PDB file of N, CA and C in Angstrom:
ATOM      1  N   UNK A   1      -0.533 -16.627  25.085  1.00  0.00           N
ATOM      2  CA  UNK A   1      -1.167 -15.601  25.870  1.00  0.00           C
ATOM      3  C   UNK A   1      -1.480 -14.444  24.937  1.00  0.00           C
ATOM      4  N   UNK A   2      -2.650 -13.865  25.077  1.00  0.00           N
ATOM      5  CA  UNK A   2      -3.046 -12.734  24.237  1.00  0.00           C
ATOM      6  C   UNK A   2      -3.692 -11.677  25.120  1.00  0.00           C
ATOM      7  N   UNK A   3      -3.220 -10.463  24.962  1.00  0.00           N
ATOM      8  CA  UNK A   3      -3.745  -9.331  25.722  1.00  0.00           C
ATOM      9  C   UNK A   3      -4.325  -8.327  24.742  1.00  0.00           C
ATOM     10  N   UNK A   4      -5.558  -7.904  25.000  1.00  0.00           N
ATOM     11  CA  UNK A   4      -6.118  -6.785  24.251  1.00  0.00           C
ATOM     12  C   UNK A   4      -6.113  -5.593  25.180  1.00  0.00           C
ATOM     13  N   UNK A   5      -5.510  -4.514  24.708  1.00  0.00           N
ATOM     14  CA  UNK A   5      -5.420  -3.311  25.529  1.00  0.00           C
ATOM     15  C   UNK A   5      -5.821  -2.099  24.702  1.00  0.00           C
ATOM     16  N   UNK A   6      -6.032  -1.003  25.341  1.00  0.00           N
ATOM     17  CA  UNK A   6      -6.292   0.266  24.662  1.00  0.00           C
ATOM     18  C   UNK A   6      -4.978   1.030  24.571  1.00  0.00           C
ATOM     19  N   UNK A   7      -4.930   1.988  23.702  1.00  0.00           N
ATOM     20  CA  UNK A   7      -3.708   2.751  23.442  1.00  0.00           C
ATOM     21  C   UNK A   7      -3.464   3.824  24.500  1.00  0.00           C
ATOM     22  N   UNK A   8      -3.876   3.569  25.684  1.00  0.00           N
ATOM     23  CA  UNK A   8      -3.691   4.480  26.815  1.00  0.00           C
ATOM     24  C   UNK A   8      -2.335   4.187  27.452  1.00  0.00           C
ATOM     25  N   UNK A   9      -1.449   5.170  27.511  1.00  0.00           N
ATOM     26  CA  UNK A   9      -0.113   4.943  28.087  1.00  0.00           C
ATOM     27  C   UNK A   9      -0.127   4.403  29.518  1.00  0.00           C
ATOM     28  N   UNK A  10      -1.230   4.577  30.227  1.00  0.00           N
ATOM     29  CA  UNK A  10      -1.305   4.051  31.598  1.00  0.00           C
ATOM     30  C   UNK A  10      -1.219   2.533  31.634  1.00  0.00           C
ATOM     31  N   UNK A  11      -1.506   1.865  30.514  1.00  0.00           N
ATOM     32  CA  UNK A  11      -1.472   0.403  30.468  1.00  0.00           C
ATOM     33  C   UNK A  11      -0.102  -0.150  30.096  1.00  0.00           C
ATOM     34  N   UNK A  12       0.844   0.715  29.740  1.00  0.00           N
ATOM     35  CA  UNK A  12       2.158   0.250  29.303  1.00  0.00           C
ATOM     36  C   UNK A  12       2.917  -0.497  30.402  1.00  0.00           C
ATOM     37  N   UNK A  13       2.845  -0.018  31.628  1.00  0.00           N
ATOM     38  CA  UNK A  13       3.564  -0.676  32.726  1.00  0.00           C
ATOM     39  C   UNK A  13       3.068  -2.108  32.922  1.00  0.00           C
ATOM     40  N   UNK A  14       1.761  -2.311  32.834  1.00  0.00           N
ATOM     41  CA  UNK A  14       1.208  -3.653  32.971  1.00  0.00           C
ATOM     42  C   UNK A  14       1.648  -4.568  31.839  1.00  0.00           C
ATOM     43  N   UNK A  15       1.673  -4.037  30.622  1.00  0.00           N
ATOM     44  CA  UNK A  15       2.125  -4.835  29.479  1.00  0.00           C
ATOM     45  C   UNK A  15       3.598  -5.205  29.642  1.00  0.00           C
ATOM     46  N   UNK A  16       4.428  -4.254  30.092  1.00  0.00           N
ATOM     47  CA  UNK A  16       5.859  -4.540  30.327  1.00  0.00           C
ATOM     48  C   UNK A  16       6.027  -5.646  31.354  1.00  0.00           C
ATOM     49  N   UNK A  17       5.305  -5.551  32.461  1.00  0.00           N
ATOM     50  CA  UNK A  17       5.412  -6.560  33.520  1.00  0.00           C
ATOM     51  C   UNK A  17       4.979  -7.932  33.027  1.00  0.00           C
ATOM     52  N   UNK A  18       3.918  -7.974  32.230  1.00  0.00           N
ATOM     53  CA  UNK A  18       3.452  -9.246  31.700  1.00  0.00           C
ATOM     54  C   UNK A  18       4.505  -9.865  30.786  1.00  0.00           C
ATOM     55  N   UNK A  19       5.063  -9.074  29.875  1.00  0.00           N
ATOM     56  CA  UNK A  19       6.073  -9.588  28.949  1.00  0.00           C
ATOM     57  C   UNK A  19       7.282 -10.090  29.721  1.00  0.00           C
ATOM     58  N   UNK A  20       7.737  -9.319  30.695  1.00  0.00           N
ATOM     59  CA  UNK A  20       8.907  -9.721  31.464  1.00  0.00           C
ATOM     60  C   UNK A  20       8.632 -11.015  32.235  1.00  0.00           C
ATOM     61  N   UNK A  21       7.468 -11.119  32.844  1.00  0.00           N
ATOM     62  CA  UNK A  21       7.133 -12.322  33.610  1.00  0.00           C
ATOM     63  C   UNK A  21       7.057 -13.550  32.711  1.00  0.00           C
ATOM     64  N   UNK A  22       6.432 -13.418  31.544  1.00  0.00           N
ATOM     65  CA  UNK A  22       6.327 -14.550  30.627  1.00  0.00           C
ATOM     66  C   UNK A  22       7.717 -14.952  30.138  1.00  0.00           C
ATOM     67  N   UNK A  23       8.540 -13.977  29.772  1.00  0.00           N
ATOM     68  CA  UNK A  23       9.901 -14.282  29.307  1.00  0.00           C
ATOM     69  C   UNK A  23      10.695 -15.024  30.384  1.00  0.00           C
ATOM     70  N   UNK A  24      10.572 -14.596  31.634  1.00  0.00           N
ATOM     71  CA  UNK A  24      11.289 -15.267  32.723  1.00  0.00           C
ATOM     72  C   UNK A  24      10.775 -16.688  32.913  1.00  0.00           C
ATOM     73  N   UNK A  25       9.457 -16.885  32.800  1.00  0.00           N
ATOM     74  CA  UNK A  25       8.893 -18.235  32.924  1.00  0.00           C
ATOM     75  C   UNK A  25       9.367 -19.145  31.796  1.00  0.00           C
ATOM     76  N   UNK A  26       9.727 -18.546  30.654  1.00  0.00           N
ATOM     77  CA  UNK A  26      10.212 -19.329  29.520  1.00  0.00           C
ATOM     78  C   UNK A  26      11.727 -19.521  29.554  1.00  0.00           C
ATOM     79  N   UNK A  27      12.361 -19.075  30.641  1.00  0.00           N
ATOM     80  CA  UNK A  27      13.776 -19.359  30.818  1.00  0.00           C
ATOM     81  C   UNK A  27      14.736 -18.223  30.558  1.00  0.00           C
ATOM     82  N   UNK A  28      14.247 -17.037  30.242  1.00  0.00           N
ATOM     83  CA  UNK A  28      15.131 -15.907  30.042  1.00  0.00           C
ATOM     84  C   UNK A  28      15.689 -15.434  31.382  1.00  0.00           C
ATOM     85  N   UNK A  29      16.936 -15.010  31.381  1.00  0.00           N
ATOM     86  CA  UNK A  29      17.517 -14.372  32.569  1.00  0.00           C
ATOM     87  C   UNK A  29      16.798 -13.045  32.797  1.00  0.00           C
ATOM     88  N   UNK A  30      16.877 -12.522  34.016  1.00  0.00           N
ATOM     89  CA  UNK A  30      16.185 -11.276  34.329  1.00  0.00           C
ATOM     90  C   UNK A  30      16.628 -10.135  33.411  1.00  0.00           C
ATOM     91  N   UNK A  31      17.936 -10.024  33.145  1.00  0.00           N
ATOM     92  CA  UNK A  31      18.414  -8.938  32.281  1.00  0.00           C
ATOM     93  C   UNK A  31      17.900  -9.100  30.850  1.00  0.00           C
ATOM     94  N   UNK A  32      17.813 -10.335  30.374  1.00  0.00           N
ATOM     95  CA  UNK A  32      17.295 -10.587  29.030  1.00  0.00           C
ATOM     96  C   UNK A  32      15.803 -10.278  28.948  1.00  0.00           C
ATOM     97  N   UNK A  33      15.058 -10.723  29.939  1.00  0.00           N
ATOM     98  CA  UNK A  33      13.619 -10.487  29.928  1.00  0.00           C
ATOM     99  C   UNK A  33      13.319  -9.001  30.053  1.00  0.00           C
ATOM    100  N   UNK A  34      14.170  -8.277  30.753  1.00  0.00           N
ATOM    101  CA  UNK A  34      14.015  -6.832  30.863  1.00  0.00           C
ATOM    102  C   UNK A  34      14.218  -6.153  29.512  1.00  0.00           C
ATOM    103  N   UNK A  35      15.197  -6.625  28.743  1.00  0.00           N
ATOM    104  CA  UNK A  35      15.437  -6.049  27.411  1.00  0.00           C
ATOM    105  C   UNK A  35      14.298  -6.382  26.454  1.00  0.00           C
ATOM    106  N   UNK A  36      13.760  -7.591  26.551  1.00  0.00           N
ATOM    107  CA  UNK A  36      12.616  -7.962  25.713  1.00  0.00           C
ATOM    108  C   UNK A  36      11.434  -7.065  26.054  1.00  0.00           C
ATOM    109  N   UNK A  37      11.199  -6.873  27.331  1.00  0.00           N
ATOM    110  CA  UNK A  37      10.107  -6.024  27.790  1.00  0.00           C
ATOM    111  C   UNK A  37      10.281  -4.583  27.311  1.00  0.00           C
ATOM    112  N   UNK A  38      11.492  -4.077  27.351  1.00  0.00           N
ATOM    113  CA  UNK A  38      11.772  -2.713  26.886  1.00  0.00           C
ATOM    114  C   UNK A  38      11.486  -2.588  25.384  1.00  0.00           C
ATOM    115  N   UNK A  39      11.872  -3.586  24.608  1.00  0.00           N
ATOM    116  CA  UNK A  39      11.622  -3.552  23.164  1.00  0.00           C
ATOM    117  C   UNK A  39      10.117  -3.524  22.868  1.00  0.00           C
ATOM    118  N   UNK A  40       9.351  -4.325  23.604  1.00  0.00           N
ATOM    119  CA  UNK A  40       7.896  -4.338  23.422  1.00  0.00           C
ATOM    120  C   UNK A  40       7.315  -2.988  23.822  1.00  0.00           C
ATOM    121  N   UNK A  41       7.798  -2.430  24.913  1.00  0.00           N
ATOM    122  CA  UNK A  41       7.338  -1.114  25.359  1.00  0.00           C
ATOM    123  C   UNK A  41       7.597  -0.056  24.284  1.00  0.00           C
ATOM    124  N   UNK A  42       8.773  -0.088  23.684  1.00  0.00           N
ATOM    125  CA  UNK A  42       9.099   0.867  22.614  1.00  0.00           C
ATOM    126  C   UNK A  42       8.148   0.707  21.438  1.00  0.00           C
ATOM    127  N   UNK A  43       7.868  -0.524  21.061  1.00  0.00           N
ATOM    128  CA  UNK A  43       6.948  -0.765  19.945  1.00  0.00           C
ATOM    129  C   UNK A  43       5.549  -0.246  20.279  1.00  0.00           C
ATOM    130  N   UNK A  44       5.077  -0.522  21.486  1.00  0.00           N
ATOM    131  CA  UNK A  44       3.755  -0.042  21.895  1.00  0.00           C
ATOM    132  C   UNK A  44       3.713   1.486  21.923  1.00  0.00           C
ATOM    133  N   UNK A  45       4.758   2.102  22.438  1.00  0.00           N
ATOM    134  CA  UNK A  45       4.821   3.573  22.471  1.00  0.00           C
ATOM    135  C   UNK A  45       4.777   4.152  21.062  1.00  0.00           C
ATOM    136  N   UNK A  46       5.490   3.515  20.131  1.00  0.00           N
ATOM    137  CA  UNK A  46       5.487   3.997  18.750  1.00  0.00           C
ATOM    138  C   UNK A  46       4.104   3.875  18.122  1.00  0.00           C
ATOM    139  N   UNK A  47       3.396   2.785  18.424  1.00  0.00           N
ATOM    140  CA  UNK A  47       2.029   2.629  17.910  1.00  0.00           C
ATOM    141  C   UNK A  47       1.155   3.758  18.443  1.00  0.00           C
ATOM    142  N   UNK A  48       1.237   3.990  19.748  1.00  0.00           N
ATOM    143  CA  UNK A  48       0.407   5.021  20.370  1.00  0.00           C
ATOM    144  C   UNK A  48       0.760   6.401  19.822  1.00  0.00           C
ATOM    145  N   UNK A  49       2.038   6.728  19.803  1.00  0.00           N
ATOM    146  CA  UNK A  49       2.487   8.073  19.423  1.00  0.00           C
ATOM    147  C   UNK A  49       2.333   8.323  17.918  1.00  0.00           C
ATOM    148  N   UNK A  50       2.857   7.422  17.117  1.00  0.00           N
ATOM    149  CA  UNK A  50       2.919   7.675  15.681  1.00  0.00           C
ATOM    150  C   UNK A  50       1.746   7.083  14.901  1.00  0.00           C
ATOM    151  N   UNK A  51       1.251   5.944  15.336  1.00  0.00           N
ATOM    152  CA  UNK A  51       0.158   5.305  14.611  1.00  0.00           C
ATOM    153  C   UNK A  51      -1.204   5.838  14.988  1.00  0.00           C
ATOM    154  N   UNK A  52      -1.391   6.084  16.281  1.00  0.00           N
ATOM    155  CA  UNK A  52      -2.686   6.545  16.768  1.00  0.00           C
ATOM    156  C   UNK A  52      -2.680   8.017  17.172  1.00  0.00           C
ATOM    157  N   UNK A  53      -1.602   8.735  16.901  1.00  0.00           N
ATOM    158  CA  UNK A  53      -1.514  10.168  17.244  1.00  0.00           C
ATOM    159  C   UNK A  53      -1.922  10.438  18.694  1.00  0.00           C
ATOM    160  N   UNK A  54      -1.472   9.577  19.585  1.00  0.00           N
ATOM    161  CA  UNK A  54      -1.700   9.693  21.032  1.00  0.00           C
ATOM    162  C   UNK A  54      -3.150   9.509  21.467  1.00  0.00           C
ATOM    163  N   UNK A  55      -4.013   9.008  20.589  1.00  0.00           N
ATOM    164  CA  UNK A  55      -5.389   8.704  21.006  1.00  0.00           C
ATOM    165  C   UNK A  55      -5.321   7.549  22.011  1.00  0.00           C
ATOM    166  N   UNK A  56      -6.063   7.666  23.099  1.00  0.00           N
ATOM    167  CA  UNK A  56      -5.959   6.691  24.192  1.00  0.00           C
ATOM    168  C   UNK A  56      -7.023   5.596  24.149  1.00  0.00           C
ATOM    169  N   UNK A  57      -7.828   5.547  23.097  1.00  0.00           N
ATOM    170  CA  UNK A  57      -8.952   4.602  23.082  1.00  0.00           C
ATOM    171  C   UNK A  57      -8.913   3.619  21.916  1.00  0.00           C
ATOM    172  N   UNK A  58      -7.761   3.433  21.317  1.00  0.00           N
ATOM    173  CA  UNK A  58      -7.632   2.556  20.152  1.00  0.00           C
ATOM    174  C   UNK A  58      -7.129   1.173  20.569  1.00  0.00           C
ATOM    175  N   UNK A  59      -7.485   0.122  19.819  1.00  0.00           N
ATOM    176  CA  UNK A  59      -7.102  -1.235  20.222  1.00  0.00           C
ATOM    177  C   UNK A  59      -5.670  -1.616  19.843  1.00  0.00           C
ATOM    178  N   UNK A  60      -5.063  -2.373  20.729  1.00  0.00           N
ATOM    179  CA  UNK A  60      -3.757  -2.994  20.486  1.00  0.00           C
ATOM    180  C   UNK A  60      -3.847  -4.411  21.046  1.00  0.00           C
ATOM    181  N   UNK A  61      -3.349  -5.386  20.269  1.00  0.00           N
ATOM    182  CA  UNK A  61      -3.320  -6.774  20.712  1.00  0.00           C
ATOM    183  C   UNK A  61      -1.870  -7.209  20.833  1.00  0.00           C
ATOM    184  N   UNK A  62      -1.541  -7.811  21.956  1.00  0.00           N
ATOM    185  CA  UNK A  62      -0.187  -8.291  22.235  1.00  0.00           C
ATOM    186  C   UNK A  62      -0.276  -9.789  22.490  1.00  0.00           C
ATOM    187  N   UNK A  63       0.407 -10.574  21.659  1.00  0.00           N
ATOM    188  CA  UNK A  63       0.392 -12.032  21.793  1.00  0.00           C
ATOM    189  C   UNK A  63       1.791 -12.544  22.082  1.00  0.00           C
ATOM    190  N   UNK A  64       1.890 -13.502  23.000  1.00  0.00           N
ATOM    191  CA  UNK A  64       3.171 -14.101  23.393  1.00  0.00           C
ATOM    192  C   UNK A  64       3.014 -15.611  23.442  1.00  0.00           C
ATOM    193  N   UNK A  65       4.010 -16.323  22.960  1.00  0.00           N
ATOM    194  CA  UNK A  65       4.030 -17.771  23.123  1.00  0.00           C
ATOM    195  C   UNK A  65       5.451 -18.274  22.962  1.00  0.00           C
ATOM    196  N   UNK A  66       5.723 -19.477  23.471  1.00  0.00           N
ATOM    197  CA  UNK A  66       7.082 -20.014  23.349  1.00  0.00           C
ATOM    198  C   UNK A  66       7.415 -20.294  21.886  1.00  0.00           C
ATOM    199  N   UNK A  67       8.600 -19.910  21.480  1.00  0.00           N
ATOM    200  CA  UNK A  67       9.104 -20.299  20.156  1.00  0.00           C
ATOM    201  C   UNK A  67       9.730 -21.669  20.322  1.00  0.00           C
ATOM    202  N   UNK A  68       9.563 -22.514  19.332  1.00  0.00           N
ATOM    203  CA  UNK A  68      10.048 -23.888  19.436  1.00  0.00           C
ATOM    204  C   UNK A  68      10.886 -24.255  18.217  1.00  0.00           C
ATOM    205  N   UNK A  69      11.838 -25.143  18.449  1.00  0.00           N
ATOM    206  CA  UNK A  69      12.609 -25.731  17.355  1.00  0.00           C
ATOM    207  C   UNK A  69      11.700 -26.699  16.608  1.00  0.00           C
ATOM    208  N   UNK A  70      12.126 -27.165  15.451  1.00  0.00           N
ATOM    209  CA  UNK A  70      11.298 -28.103  14.682  1.00  0.00           C
ATOM    210  C   UNK A  70      11.073 -29.412  15.441  1.00  0.00           C
ATOM    211  N   UNK A  71      11.972 -29.728  16.404  1.00  0.00           N
ATOM    212  CA  UNK A  71      11.795 -30.948  17.194  1.00  0.00           C
ATOM    213  C   UNK A  71      10.935 -30.717  18.441  1.00  0.00           C
ATOM    214  N   UNK A  72      10.421 -29.486  18.589  1.00  0.00           N
ATOM    215  CA  UNK A  72       9.532 -29.182  19.700  1.00  0.00           C
ATOM    216  C   UNK A  72      10.205 -28.605  20.926  1.00  0.00           C
ATOM    217  N   UNK A  73      11.530 -28.562  20.959  1.00  0.00           N
ATOM    218  CA  UNK A  73      12.231 -27.996  22.105  1.00  0.00           C
ATOM    219  C   UNK A  73      12.104 -26.471  22.119  1.00  0.00           C
ATOM    220  N   UNK A  74      11.922 -25.887  23.308  1.00  0.00           N
ATOM    221  CA  UNK A  74      11.801 -24.431  23.390  1.00  0.00           C
ATOM    222  C   UNK A  74      13.109 -23.744  22.984  1.00  0.00           C
ATOM    223  N   UNK A  75      12.985 -22.580  22.346  1.00  0.00           N
ATOM    224  CA  UNK A  75      14.174 -21.841  21.955  1.00  0.00           C
ATOM    225  C   UNK A  75      14.013 -20.340  22.106  1.00  0.00           C
ATOM    226  N   UNK A  76      12.984 -19.876  22.746  1.00  0.00           N
ATOM    227  CA  UNK A  76      12.801 -18.439  22.915  1.00  0.00           C
ATOM    228  C   UNK A  76      11.343 -18.071  23.065  1.00  0.00           C
ATOM    229  N   UNK A  77      11.055 -16.847  22.682  1.00  0.00           N
ATOM    230  CA  UNK A  77       9.700 -16.320  22.804  1.00  0.00           C
ATOM    231  C   UNK A  77       9.314 -15.664  21.488  1.00  0.00           C
ATOM    232  N   UNK A  78       8.077 -15.827  21.109  1.00  0.00           N
ATOM    233  CA  UNK A  78       7.556 -15.177  19.907  1.00  0.00           C
ATOM    234  C   UNK A  78       6.564 -14.130  20.371  1.00  0.00           C
ATOM    235  N   UNK A  79       6.713 -12.918  19.851  1.00  0.00           N
ATOM    236  CA  UNK A  79       5.856 -11.798  20.245  1.00  0.00           C
ATOM    237  C   UNK A  79       5.286 -11.167  18.987  1.00  0.00           C
ATOM    238  N   UNK A  80       3.974 -10.998  18.974  1.00  0.00           N
ATOM    239  CA  UNK A  80       3.306 -10.339  17.859  1.00  0.00           C
ATOM    240  C   UNK A  80       2.451  -9.216  18.429  1.00  0.00           C
ATOM    241  N   UNK A  81       2.612  -8.028  17.856  1.00  0.00           N
ATOM    242  CA  UNK A  81       1.811  -6.875  18.251  1.00  0.00           C
ATOM    243  C   UNK A  81       0.982  -6.467  17.040  1.00  0.00           C
ATOM    244  N   UNK A  82      -0.323  -6.349  17.247  1.00  0.00           N
ATOM    245  CA  UNK A  82      -1.235  -5.962  16.170  1.00  0.00           C
ATOM    246  C   UNK A  82      -1.986  -4.701  16.576  1.00  0.00           C
ATOM    247  N   UNK A  83      -2.325  -3.891  15.580  1.00  0.00           N
ATOM    248  CA  UNK A  83      -3.075  -2.668  15.836  1.00  0.00           C
ATOM    249  C   UNK A  83      -3.876  -2.305  14.601  1.00  0.00           C
ATOM    250  N   UNK A  84      -4.667  -1.263  14.712  1.00  0.00           N
ATOM    251  CA  UNK A  84      -5.442  -0.754  13.585  1.00  0.00           C
ATOM    252  C   UNK A  84      -4.977   0.637  13.179  1.00  0.00           C
ATOM    253  N   UNK A  85      -3.773   0.974  13.545  1.00  0.00           N
ATOM    254  CA  UNK A  85      -3.220   2.294  13.235  1.00  0.00           C
ATOM    255  C   UNK A  85      -2.918   2.405  11.745  1.00  0.00           C
ATOM    256  N   UNK A  86      -2.724   3.628  11.293  1.00  0.00           N
ATOM    257  CA  UNK A  86      -2.382   3.812   9.885  1.00  0.00           C
ATOM    258  C   UNK A  86      -1.035   3.156   9.612  1.00  0.00           C
ATOM    259  N   UNK A  87      -0.909   2.604   8.424  1.00  0.00           N
ATOM    260  CA  UNK A  87       0.312   1.891   8.047  1.00  0.00           C
ATOM    261  C   UNK A  87       1.455   2.872   7.799  1.00  0.00           C
ATOM    262  N   UNK A  88       2.637   2.402   8.110  1.00  0.00           N
ATOM    263  CA  UNK A  88       3.851   3.171   7.867  1.00  0.00           C
ATOM    264  C   UNK A  88       4.696   2.377   6.875  1.00  0.00           C
ATOM    265  N   UNK A  89       5.214   3.044   5.872  1.00  0.00           N
ATOM    266  CA  UNK A  89       6.110   2.379   4.930  1.00  0.00           C
ATOM    267  C   UNK A  89       7.393   1.992   5.659  1.00  0.00           C
ATOM    268  N   UNK A  90       7.763   0.727   5.594  1.00  0.00           N
ATOM    269  CA  UNK A  90       8.964   0.256   6.292  1.00  0.00           C
ATOM    270  C   UNK A  90      10.204   1.032   5.874  1.00  0.00           C
ATOM    271  N   UNK A  91      10.279   1.429   4.625  1.00  0.00           N
ATOM    272  CA  UNK A  91      11.455   2.153   4.129  1.00  0.00           C
ATOM    273  C   UNK A  91      11.597   3.529   4.776  1.00  0.00           C
ATOM    274  N   UNK A  92      10.500   4.052   5.338  1.00  0.00           N
ATOM    275  CA  UNK A  92      10.574   5.385   5.950  1.00  0.00           C
ATOM    276  C   UNK A  92      10.973   5.333   7.424  1.00  0.00           C
ATOM    277  N   UNK A  93      11.029   4.137   8.001  1.00  0.00           N
ATOM    278  CA  UNK A  93      11.379   4.006   9.415  1.00  0.00           C
ATOM    279  C   UNK A  93      12.898   4.085   9.550  1.00  0.00           C
ATOM    280  N   UNK A  94      13.340   5.139  10.194  1.00  0.00           N
ATOM    281  CA  UNK A  94      14.775   5.332  10.380  1.00  0.00           C
ATOM    282  C   UNK A  94      15.014   5.807  11.806  1.00  0.00           C
ATOM    283  N   UNK A  95      16.047   5.295  12.383  1.00  0.00           N
ATOM    284  CA  UNK A  95      16.459   5.756  13.699  1.00  0.00           C
ATOM    285  C   UNK A  95      17.601   6.740  13.500  1.00  0.00           C
ATOM    286  N   UNK A  96      17.739   7.628  14.416  1.00  0.00           N
ATOM    287  CA  UNK A  96      18.833   8.584  14.268  1.00  0.00           C
ATOM    288  C   UNK A  96      20.159   7.930  14.647  1.00  0.00           C
ATOM    289  N   UNK A  97      21.230   8.552  14.307  1.00  0.00           N
ATOM    290  CA  UNK A  97      22.581   8.057  14.576  1.00  0.00           C
ATOM    291  C   UNK A  97      22.788   7.920  16.083  1.00  0.00           C
ATOM    292  N   UNK A  98      23.376   6.832  16.508  1.00  0.00           N
ATOM    293  CA  UNK A  98      23.620   6.606  17.938  1.00  0.00           C
ATOM    294  C   UNK A  98      24.566   7.647  18.534  1.00  0.00           C
ATOM    295  N   UNK A  99      25.359   8.291  17.705  1.00  0.00           N
ATOM    296  CA  UNK A  99      26.268   9.337  18.189  1.00  0.00           C
ATOM    297  C   UNK A  99      25.525  10.625  18.522  1.00  0.00           C
ATOM    298  N   UNK A 100      24.312  10.772  18.022  1.00  0.00           N
ATOM    299  CA  UNK A 100      23.498  11.966  18.267  1.00  0.00           C
ATOM    300  C   UNK A 100      22.763  11.775  19.590  1.00  0.00           C
ATOM    301  N   UNK A 101      23.405  12.183  20.671  1.00  0.00           N
ATOM    302  CA  UNK A 101      22.890  11.923  22.014  1.00  0.00           C
ATOM    303  C   UNK A 101      21.903  13.010  22.419  1.00  0.00           C
ATOM    304  N   UNK A 102      20.628  12.595  22.539  1.00  0.00           N
ATOM    305  CA  UNK A 102      19.541  13.459  22.997  1.00  0.00           C
ATOM    306  C   UNK A 102      18.329  12.568  23.241  1.00  0.00           C
ATOM    307  N   UNK A 103      17.326  13.066  23.932  1.00  0.00           N
ATOM    308  CA  UNK A 103      16.157  12.241  24.222  1.00  0.00           C
ATOM    309  C   UNK A 103      15.392  11.847  22.962  1.00  0.00           C
ATOM    310  N   UNK A 104      14.785  10.680  23.002  1.00  0.00           N
ATOM    311  CA  UNK A 104      13.881  10.160  21.969  1.00  0.00           C
ATOM    312  C   UNK A 104      14.634   9.768  20.704  1.00  0.00           C
ATOM    313  N   UNK A 105      13.956   8.970  19.893  1.00  0.00           N
ATOM    314  CA  UNK A 105      14.477   8.601  18.590  1.00  0.00           C
ATOM    315  C   UNK A 105      15.342   7.354  18.551  1.00  0.00           C
ATOM    316  N   UNK A 106      15.429   6.619  19.654  1.00  0.00           N
ATOM    317  CA  UNK A 106      16.255   5.406  19.662  1.00  0.00           C
ATOM    318  C   UNK A 106      15.417   4.118  19.706  1.00  0.00           C
ATOM    319  N   UNK A 107      14.107   4.248  19.578  1.00  0.00           N
ATOM    320  CA  UNK A 107      13.238   3.088  19.665  1.00  0.00           C
ATOM    321  C   UNK A 107      13.551   2.001  18.657  1.00  0.00           C
ATOM    322  N   UNK A 108      13.885   2.396  17.430  1.00  0.00           N
ATOM    323  CA  UNK A 108      14.204   1.398  16.404  1.00  0.00           C
ATOM    324  C   UNK A 108      15.457   0.618  16.795  1.00  0.00           C
ATOM    325  N   UNK A 109      16.444   1.302  17.336  1.00  0.00           N
ATOM    326  CA  UNK A 109      17.649   0.602  17.800  1.00  0.00           C
ATOM    327  C   UNK A 109      17.305  -0.361  18.938  1.00  0.00           C
ATOM    328  N   UNK A 110      16.473   0.078  19.844  1.00  0.00           N
ATOM    329  CA  UNK A 110      16.118  -0.762  20.995  1.00  0.00           C
ATOM    330  C   UNK A 110      15.336  -1.980  20.540  1.00  0.00           C
ATOM    331  N   UNK A 111      14.369  -1.758  19.660  1.00  0.00           N
ATOM    332  CA  UNK A 111      13.556  -2.876  19.174  1.00  0.00           C
ATOM    333  C   UNK A 111      14.420  -3.855  18.422  1.00  0.00           C
TER     334      UNK A 111
END
């Protein structure tokens, strides 16, 4: 399954619902599919906020498919998110300490 969406935060709820529904169809428990959906939501929010500087008209592609063992048996879900946002050096991505309780900044931990 592949979804092309714009970087408009109004579309995040639909993307979350789609991810959760696909995960459940692939055998994830509701609590597991909810966590997968939350991780995807965090990634999409980071693209919109940090990659696109909150511009609401930029492209994002979300792809989902069953992950399989080498023998073809299902073993999970594979999710790929693509965008055209400016690149971020992986070494610069840091989440704050979990002991530092305040809003925002936990997306990396969630993902």
